[in-house]
Amino acid sequence: MKFTVAIDGPAAAGKGTISRAVAAEFNLAHLDTGLLYRAVGAGVLAGGEAVAVAQGLDPRDLENPDLRTQAVADAASQVAVNPDVRAALVQFQKDFARRDGGAVLDGRDIGTVICPGAEVKLYVTASAQTRAERRHKELTDKGFSTAFETVLAEVIDRDRRDSERATAPLRAARDAVTIDTSDLSIAAAVAAAIDAVRAKYPVT
């Protein structure tokens, strides 16, 4: 069976949590495509050239715990505007999406560019204020001392870069189901996503 769930949305909207939950609920493989770009960003921060890093990416590179840092996130957003970097990573994502057994992919251009024919498309979003609050708490819980205003500015700046880039900008696919998590609990957001997938999932 080939069944693809494409989940897009801005940073800290909850798409990663929702994607993992959907994958677990329907026993589908999961790929956080943002990790691909974070891995390239990490490679650039380490002194590599973006396209060369993307072309030589190894699946084990996605296991690097440093990929979740803010510095790597910013670098990922910057390398993602490079069309040659994107081209180097597109085929990997497309092949994963159509693997036997089905797959869930989350990112920023899955439903619009990588998998326009996905059986289910979700767009998970939340207000910039809410997403900044979540990111700030995450950083604080990890022991980082960062002003909320700084985090909010970074969220807004990243949204601008992602939505205004010439190649595969962040936007909802026309046939995507939008889930705004601003005022939803994690359980409610996950339930909404699972309901949307179940409506089209061929196995009951």
Protein backbone atom coordinates (compact mmCIF):
# COMPACT_ATOMS: atom_id res chain seq x y z
CA MET A 1 0.00 0.00 0.00
CA LYS A 2 1.20 3.48 -0.88
CA PHE A 3 -0.47 6.19 1.20
CA THR A 4 1.08 9.58 1.86
CA VAL A 5 0.19 12.10 4.53
CA ALA A 6 1.76 15.51 3.85
CA ILE A 7 1.90 17.85 6.84
CA ASP A 8 3.14 21.42 6.44
CA GLY A 9 3.31 24.47 8.66
CA PRO A 10 5.58 27.06 10.29
CA ALA A 11 8.04 26.39 13.10
CA ALA A 12 6.65 25.45 16.54
CA ALA A 13 3.08 25.04 15.29
CA GLY A 14 3.01 21.43 16.46
CA LYS A 15 3.36 19.61 13.15
CA GLY A 16 6.19 17.40 14.42
CA THR A 17 4.15 16.19 17.39
CA ILE A 18 1.11 15.68 15.19
CA SER A 19 3.12 13.88 12.50
CA ARG A 20 4.63 11.42 14.95
CA ALA A 21 1.21 10.74 16.47
CA VAL A 22 -0.41 10.17 13.08
CA ALA A 23 2.42 7.86 12.01
CA ALA A 24 2.03 5.84 15.22
CA GLU A 25 -1.77 5.69 14.96
CA PHE A 26 -1.73 4.29 11.41
CA ASN A 27 1.60 2.45 11.59
CA LEU A 28 3.16 4.62 8.87
CA ALA A 29 6.82 5.54 8.41
CA HIS A 30 7.66 9.11 9.44
CA LEU A 31 10.12 11.63 8.04
CA ASP A 32 10.73 15.04 9.57
CA THR A 33 11.99 16.68 6.39
CA GLY A 34 13.13 19.70 8.36
CA LEU A 35 15.89 17.50 9.76
CA LEU A 36 17.31 17.16 6.25
CA TYR A 37 17.71 20.93 6.03
CA ARG A 38 18.91 21.15 9.62
CA ALA A 39 21.57 18.54 8.82
CA VAL A 40 22.70 20.65 5.88
CA GLY A 41 22.63 23.76 8.06
CA ALA A 42 24.74 21.99 10.68
CA GLY A 43 27.20 20.98 7.99
CA VAL A 44 27.47 24.58 6.80
CA LEU A 45 28.05 25.80 10.36
CA ALA A 46 30.84 23.21 10.57
CA GLY A 47 32.49 24.77 7.52
CA GLY A 48 30.97 22.81 4.66
CA GLU A 49 29.52 24.14 1.41
CA ALA A 50 25.73 23.87 1.38
CA VAL A 51 25.19 21.99 -1.90
CA ALA A 52 28.08 19.60 -1.29
CA VAL A 53 26.74 18.83 2.20
CA ALA A 54 23.25 18.20 0.80
CA GLN A 55 24.53 15.91 -1.93
CA GLY A 56 26.59 13.90 0.55
CA LEU A 57 23.99 13.68 3.29
CA ASP A 58 23.91 10.36 5.14
CA PRO A 59 20.76 9.15 7.00
CA ARG A 60 22.89 8.90 10.13
CA ASP A 61 23.42 12.66 9.96
CA LEU A 62 19.76 13.03 11.00
CA GLU A 63 20.55 11.49 14.39
CA ASN A 64 22.79 14.39 15.45
CA PRO A 65 21.31 15.79 18.73
CA ASP A 66 22.61 19.27 17.86
CA LEU A 67 20.11 19.54 15.01
CA ARG A 68 17.52 20.92 17.45
CA THR A 69 19.49 24.02 18.44
CA GLN A 70 18.33 27.49 17.41
CA ALA A 71 21.57 28.20 15.54
CA VAL A 72 21.07 25.13 13.36
CA ALA A 73 17.39 26.02 12.84
CA ASP A 74 18.39 29.46 11.55
CA ALA A 75 21.06 27.96 9.30
CA ALA A 76 18.52 25.46 7.97
CA SER A 77 16.11 28.23 7.02
CA GLN A 78 18.91 30.04 5.20
CA VAL A 79 20.16 27.04 3.19
CA ALA A 80 16.58 26.07 2.34
CA VAL A 81 16.30 29.08 0.01
CA ASN A 82 19.09 27.64 -2.15
CA PRO A 83 17.41 25.84 -5.09
CA ASP A 84 20.42 23.56 -5.57
CA VAL A 85 20.20 22.40 -1.97
CA ARG A 86 16.50 21.73 -2.37
CA ALA A 87 17.05 19.82 -5.60
CA ALA A 88 19.60 17.59 -3.88
CA LEU A 89 17.07 16.64 -1.19
CA VAL A 90 13.85 16.42 -3.20
CA GLN A 91 14.29 12.90 -4.60
CA PHE A 92 15.08 11.47 -1.17
CA GLN A 93 11.81 12.87 0.13
CA LYS A 94 9.74 11.73 -2.86
CA ASP A 95 11.06 8.19 -2.65
CA PHE A 96 10.32 8.07 1.08
CA ALA A 97 6.79 9.37 0.53
CA ARG A 98 5.85 6.54 -1.83
CA ARG A 99 7.45 3.71 0.10
CA ASP A 100 5.44 0.55 0.60
CA GLY A 101 3.37 0.68 3.76
CA GLY A 102 2.70 4.41 3.60
CA ALA A 103 4.43 7.44 5.04
CA VAL A 104 3.95 10.69 6.90
CA LEU A 105 6.20 13.60 5.95
CA ASP A 106 6.24 16.95 7.67
CA GLY A 107 7.91 20.12 6.47
CA ARG A 108 7.09 23.33 4.66
CA ASP A 109 6.55 22.31 1.04
CA ILE A 110 5.40 18.70 1.28
CA GLY A 111 1.83 19.14 0.08
CA THR A 112 2.69 21.84 -2.45
CA VAL A 113 5.96 20.62 -4.01
CA ILE A 114 7.22 17.27 -2.75
CA CYS A 115 3.93 15.35 -2.66
CA PRO A 116 1.24 17.34 -4.48
CA GLY A 117 -0.62 14.07 -5.01
CA ALA A 118 -0.62 13.06 -1.33
CA GLU A 119 -3.79 11.33 -0.23
CA VAL A 120 -4.05 13.60 2.83
CA LYS A 121 -2.66 17.11 3.25
CA LEU A 122 -2.67 18.99 6.54
CA TYR A 123 -1.51 22.53 7.27
CA VAL A 124 -0.71 22.96 10.95
CA THR A 125 -0.35 26.54 12.10
CA ALA A 126 -0.58 28.83 15.15
CA SER A 127 -0.08 32.52 15.87
CA ALA A 128 3.48 33.84 15.99
CA GLN A 129 2.95 34.80 19.64
CA THR A 130 1.88 31.28 20.58
CA ARG A 131 4.71 29.66 18.66
CA ALA A 132 7.27 31.99 20.22
CA GLU A 133 5.92 31.15 23.69
CA ARG A 134 6.31 27.45 22.96
CA ARG A 135 9.83 27.88 21.59
CA HIS A 136 10.85 30.09 24.50
CA LYS A 137 9.61 27.51 27.00
CA GLU A 138 11.43 24.75 25.15
CA LEU A 139 14.69 26.70 25.25
CA THR A 140 14.22 27.66 28.90
CA ASP A 141 13.50 24.06 29.86
CA LYS A 142 16.77 23.07 28.19
CA GLY A 143 18.67 25.63 30.25
CA PHE A 144 19.11 28.33 27.63
CA SER A 145 18.71 31.94 28.75
CA THR A 146 16.97 33.75 25.90
CA ALA A 147 14.66 36.76 26.05
CA PHE A 148 11.13 36.12 24.81
CA GLU A 149 11.31 39.18 22.56
CA THR A 150 14.36 37.70 20.84
CA VAL A 151 12.60 34.40 20.24
CA LEU A 152 9.50 36.17 18.89
CA ALA A 153 11.63 38.24 16.50
CA GLU A 154 13.36 35.06 15.29
CA VAL A 155 10.00 33.33 14.70
CA ILE A 156 8.67 36.28 12.72
CA ASP A 157 11.89 36.58 10.71
CA ARG A 158 11.88 32.89 9.89
CA ASP A 159 8.23 33.03 8.83
CA ARG A 160 9.12 35.87 6.49
CA ARG A 161 12.05 34.00 4.95
CA ASP A 162 10.10 30.79 4.55
CA SER A 163 7.01 32.41 3.03
CA GLU A 164 8.81 34.88 0.75
CA ARG A 165 11.51 32.62 -0.69
CA ALA A 166 11.33 32.21 -4.45
CA THR A 167 11.64 28.42 -4.37
CA ALA A 168 8.88 26.39 -2.69
CA PRO A 169 7.60 29.04 -0.27
CA LEU A 170 5.71 28.05 2.87
CA ARG A 171 1.98 28.02 2.17
CA ALA A 172 -0.99 25.74 2.57
CA ALA A 173 -1.89 23.50 -0.35
CA ARG A 174 -5.26 24.40 -1.82
CA ASP A 175 -6.75 21.08 -0.72
CA ALA A 176 -5.09 20.95 2.71
CA VAL A 177 -7.05 20.69 5.94
CA THR A 178 -5.90 23.55 8.18
CA ILE A 179 -5.47 22.90 11.90
CA ASP A 180 -4.81 26.01 13.99
CA THR A 181 -3.27 24.85 17.26
CA SER A 182 -3.12 28.28 18.93
CA ASP A 183 -5.92 27.42 21.35
CA LEU A 184 -5.85 23.63 21.13
CA SER A 185 -4.38 21.14 23.55
CA ILE A 186 -1.94 18.63 22.12
CA ALA A 187 -4.58 15.91 22.46
CA ALA A 188 -7.19 17.98 20.61
CA ALA A 189 -4.79 18.88 17.79
CA VAL A 190 -3.71 15.26 17.38
CA ALA A 191 -7.34 14.10 17.39
CA ALA A 192 -8.24 16.58 14.65
CA ALA A 193 -5.36 15.35 12.51
CA ILE A 194 -6.19 11.69 13.05
CA ASP A 195 -9.82 12.33 12.13
CA ALA A 196 -8.73 14.02 8.89
CA VAL A 197 -6.49 11.09 7.97
CA ARG A 198 -9.02 8.43 8.98
CA ALA A 199 -11.57 9.97 6.61
CA LYS A 200 -9.36 8.95 3.69
CA TYR A 201 -7.30 6.05 5.04
CA PRO A 202 -8.08 2.85 3.07
CA VAL A 203 -7.59 0.49 6.05
CA THR A 204 -10.04 0.58 8.93
